Amino acid sequence: GINFFTPNEFSQQLAYMNRPSGYEIQPHVHNAVQREVQFTKEVLFIKSGKVRVDFYDDEKNYLESRILVSGDVILLAFGGHGFEMIDDSEIIEVKQGPYVGEADKTRFEPISTDQIKIKE
């Protein structure tokens, strides 16, 4: 079946599908539905490499870090985030548009490396 990781009210939806051979999804189009999006949500696919992602709350306070490797998928729904490429990495990013350049984000100073707490 299909299992959604996100609640219905999220403006970006992420689900996992596991379907048997021969299963068909009926052809369809998506209807024009007016939506209001206030915050950008991103989905990242780690195509190759190894990446450390640092998570921050909405007030820019550091929370924890995780290591992502080839094949991992992550939804960045709330709070702040920063990245360090541990190995050469290829990442595919999916997010809502339209993109408005630097007005789309507020940059801030990262934590120092001695403060990093990697959660397994």
C-alpha atoms as a PDB file:
ATOM      1  CA  GLY A   1       0.000   0.000   0.000  1.00  0.00           C
ATOM      2  CA  ILE A   2       0.908   3.595   0.542  1.00  0.00           C
ATOM      3  CA  ASN A   3       1.936   5.124   3.864  1.00  0.00           C
ATOM      4  CA  PHE A   4       2.277   8.873   4.334  1.00  0.00           C
ATOM      5  CA  PHE A   5       4.922  10.127   6.740  1.00  0.00           C
ATOM      6  CA  THR A   6       3.355  13.590   6.783  1.00  0.00           C
ATOM      7  CA  PRO A   7       0.037  14.869   8.137  1.00  0.00           C
ATOM      8  CA  ASN A   8      -2.542  16.010   5.577  1.00  0.00           C
ATOM      9  CA  GLU A   9      -2.048  19.696   6.456  1.00  0.00           C
ATOM     10  CA  PHE A  10       1.647  19.775   5.427  1.00  0.00           C
ATOM     11  CA  SER A  11       2.190  21.706   2.196  1.00  0.00           C
ATOM     12  CA  GLN A  12       4.731  19.084   1.106  1.00  0.00           C
ATOM     13  CA  GLN A  13       3.675  15.446   1.291  1.00  0.00           C
ATOM     14  CA  LEU A  14       6.032  12.477   1.649  1.00  0.00           C
ATOM     15  CA  ALA A  15       4.882   8.870   1.344  1.00  0.00           C
ATOM     16  CA  TYR A  16       6.263   5.389   0.812  1.00  0.00           C
ATOM     17  CA  MET A  17       4.636   3.036  -1.703  1.00  0.00           C
ATOM     18  CA  ASN A  18       5.169  -0.708  -1.811  1.00  0.00           C
ATOM     19  CA  ARG A  19       3.236  -2.257  -4.695  1.00  0.00           C
ATOM     20  CA  PRO A  20       3.411  -5.778  -6.133  1.00  0.00           C
ATOM     21  CA  SER A  21       4.338  -6.524  -9.725  1.00  0.00           C
ATOM     22  CA  GLY A  22       1.379  -5.883 -11.999  1.00  0.00           C
ATOM     23  CA  TYR A  23      -0.269  -3.357  -9.679  1.00  0.00           C
ATOM     24  CA  GLU A  24      -1.640  -0.443 -11.671  1.00  0.00           C
ATOM     25  CA  ILE A  25      -2.263   3.163 -10.730  1.00  0.00           C
ATOM     26  CA  GLN A  26      -5.083   4.502 -12.857  1.00  0.00           C
ATOM     27  CA  PRO A  27      -4.050   7.410 -15.115  1.00  0.00           C
ATOM     28  CA  HIS A  28      -5.008  10.728 -13.584  1.00  0.00           C
ATOM     29  CA  VAL A  29      -4.402  14.465 -13.613  1.00  0.00           C
ATOM     30  CA  HIS A  30      -4.189  16.701 -10.574  1.00  0.00           C
ATOM     31  CA  ASN A  31      -6.879  19.349 -10.264  1.00  0.00           C
ATOM     32  CA  ALA A  32      -6.112  23.038  -9.846  1.00  0.00           C
ATOM     33  CA  VAL A  33      -6.619  23.611  -6.129  1.00  0.00           C
ATOM     34  CA  GLN A  34      -5.865  26.965  -4.506  1.00  0.00           C
ATOM     35  CA  ARG A  35      -3.321  26.461  -1.712  1.00  0.00           C
ATOM     36  CA  GLU A  36      -1.564  28.877   0.584  1.00  0.00           C
ATOM     37  CA  VAL A  37       2.081  28.048   1.302  1.00  0.00           C
ATOM     38  CA  GLN A  38       3.852  30.134   3.936  1.00  0.00           C
ATOM     39  CA  PHE A  39       6.950  28.071   4.688  1.00  0.00           C
ATOM     40  CA  THR A  40       9.224  26.177   2.340  1.00  0.00           C
ATOM     41  CA  LYS A  41       9.519  22.459   2.940  1.00  0.00           C
ATOM     42  CA  GLU A  42      12.231  20.470   1.186  1.00  0.00           C
ATOM     43  CA  VAL A  43      12.743  16.810   0.351  1.00  0.00           C
ATOM     44  CA  LEU A  44      16.341  15.747  -0.259  1.00  0.00           C
ATOM     45  CA  PHE A  45      17.405  12.518  -1.949  1.00  0.00           C
ATOM     46  CA  ILE A  46      21.023  11.579  -1.263  1.00  0.00           C
ATOM     47  CA  LYS A  47      22.001  10.111  -4.639  1.00  0.00           C
ATOM     48  CA  SER A  48      25.598   9.451  -3.623  1.00  0.00           C
ATOM     49  CA  GLY A  49      28.039  10.363  -0.902  1.00  0.00           C
ATOM     50  CA  LYS A  50      27.820  11.052   2.804  1.00  0.00           C
ATOM     51  CA  VAL A  51      26.342  14.200   4.356  1.00  0.00           C
ATOM     52  CA  ARG A  52      25.993  15.538   7.891  1.00  0.00           C
ATOM     53  CA  VAL A  53      22.794  17.493   8.450  1.00  0.00           C
ATOM     54  CA  ASP A  54      22.573  19.800  11.466  1.00  0.00           C
ATOM     55  CA  PHE A  55      19.073  20.550  12.787  1.00  0.00           C
ATOM     56  CA  TYR A  56      18.033  23.801  14.464  1.00  0.00           C
ATOM     57  CA  ASP A  57      14.702  24.933  15.902  1.00  0.00           C
ATOM     58  CA  ASP A  58      12.788  27.945  14.564  1.00  0.00           C
ATOM     59  CA  GLU A  59      14.776  30.225  16.905  1.00  0.00           C
ATOM     60  CA  LYS A  60      18.084  28.977  15.384  1.00  0.00           C
ATOM     61  CA  ASN A  61      19.025  26.899  18.453  1.00  0.00           C
ATOM     62  CA  TYR A  62      21.010  23.768  17.605  1.00  0.00           C
ATOM     63  CA  LEU A  63      19.211  20.468  18.277  1.00  0.00           C
ATOM     64  CA  GLU A  64      21.220  17.544  16.857  1.00  0.00           C
ATOM     65  CA  SER A  65      22.927  16.170  13.766  1.00  0.00           C
ATOM     66  CA  ARG A  66      22.411  13.077  11.629  1.00  0.00           C
ATOM     67  CA  ILE A  67      24.503  11.348   8.987  1.00  0.00           C
ATOM     68  CA  LEU A  68      22.834  10.690   5.626  1.00  0.00           C
ATOM     69  CA  VAL A  69      24.237   8.315   3.023  1.00  0.00           C
ATOM     70  CA  SER A  70      23.465   7.251  -0.526  1.00  0.00           C
ATOM     71  CA  GLY A  71      19.817   6.198  -0.807  1.00  0.00           C
ATOM     72  CA  ASP A  72      18.587   8.230   2.174  1.00  0.00           C
ATOM     73  CA  VAL A  73      15.604  10.573   1.841  1.00  0.00           C
ATOM     74  CA  ILE A  74      14.792  13.388   4.268  1.00  0.00           C
ATOM     75  CA  LEU A  75      11.883  15.824   4.583  1.00  0.00           C
ATOM     76  CA  LEU A  76      12.887  19.179   6.074  1.00  0.00           C
ATOM     77  CA  ALA A  77       9.534  20.444   7.332  1.00  0.00           C
ATOM     78  CA  PHE A  78      10.277  22.924  10.120  1.00  0.00           C
ATOM     79  CA  GLY A  79      13.158  24.689  11.819  1.00  0.00           C
ATOM     80  CA  GLY A  80      16.595  25.362  10.402  1.00  0.00           C
ATOM     81  CA  HIS A  81      19.199  23.115   8.873  1.00  0.00           C
ATOM     82  CA  GLY A  82      22.775  23.159   7.660  1.00  0.00           C
ATOM     83  CA  PHE A  83      24.933  20.609   5.889  1.00  0.00           C
ATOM     84  CA  GLU A  84      28.519  19.448   5.626  1.00  0.00           C
ATOM     85  CA  MET A  85      29.548  17.103   2.832  1.00  0.00           C
ATOM     86  CA  ILE A  86      31.629  14.378   4.469  1.00  0.00           C
ATOM     87  CA  ASP A  87      32.281  12.750   1.073  1.00  0.00           C
ATOM     88  CA  ASP A  88      31.712  14.016  -2.464  1.00  0.00           C
ATOM     89  CA  SER A  89      27.917  14.018  -2.652  1.00  0.00           C
ATOM     90  CA  GLU A  90      25.099  14.287  -5.166  1.00  0.00           C
ATOM     91  CA  ILE A  91      21.780  15.510  -3.759  1.00  0.00           C
ATOM     92  CA  ILE A  92      18.429  15.939  -5.466  1.00  0.00           C
ATOM     93  CA  GLU A  93      16.275  18.658  -3.870  1.00  0.00           C
ATOM     94  CA  VAL A  94      12.498  18.983  -4.266  1.00  0.00           C
ATOM     95  CA  LYS A  95      10.645  21.965  -2.798  1.00  0.00           C
ATOM     96  CA  GLN A  96       7.732  24.276  -3.492  1.00  0.00           C
ATOM     97  CA  GLY A  97       8.143  27.232  -5.784  1.00  0.00           C
ATOM     98  CA  PRO A  98       8.357  29.746  -7.047  1.00  0.00           C
ATOM     99  CA  TYR A  99      11.832  30.421  -5.675  1.00  0.00           C
ATOM    100  CA  VAL A 100      12.302  34.016  -4.527  1.00  0.00           C
ATOM    101  CA  GLY A 101      16.091  34.037  -4.106  1.00  0.00           C
ATOM    102  CA  GLU A 102      17.639  35.239  -0.860  1.00  0.00           C
ATOM    103  CA  ALA A 103      14.239  36.462   0.405  1.00  0.00           C
ATOM    104  CA  ASP A 104      13.374  32.765   0.740  1.00  0.00           C
ATOM    105  CA  LYS A 105      15.721  32.150   3.688  1.00  0.00           C
ATOM    106  CA  THR A 106      17.569  33.712   6.613  1.00  0.00           C
ATOM    107  CA  ARG A 107      21.168  32.571   6.978  1.00  0.00           C
ATOM    108  CA  PHE A 108      22.848  32.336  10.393  1.00  0.00           C
ATOM    109  CA  GLU A 109      26.124  31.154  11.906  1.00  0.00           C
ATOM    110  CA  PRO A 110      26.520  27.389  12.377  1.00  0.00           C
ATOM    111  CA  ILE A 111      27.587  25.778  15.610  1.00  0.00           C
ATOM    112  CA  SER A 112      31.250  24.947  16.128  1.00  0.00           C
ATOM    113  CA  THR A 113      32.414  21.421  15.327  1.00  0.00           C
ATOM    114  CA  ASP A 114      33.030  20.618  19.012  1.00  0.00           C
ATOM    115  CA  GLN A 115      29.298  21.169  19.719  1.00  0.00           C
ATOM    116  CA  ILE A 116      28.079  18.620  17.166  1.00  0.00           C
ATOM    117  CA  LYS A 117      25.959  15.806  18.632  1.00  0.00           C
ATOM    118  CA  ILE A 118      25.432  13.031  16.082  1.00  0.00           C
ATOM    119  CA  LYS A 119      22.266  11.048  16.740  1.00  0.00           C
ATOM    120  CA  GLU A 120      22.316   7.457  15.499  1.00  0.00           C
END
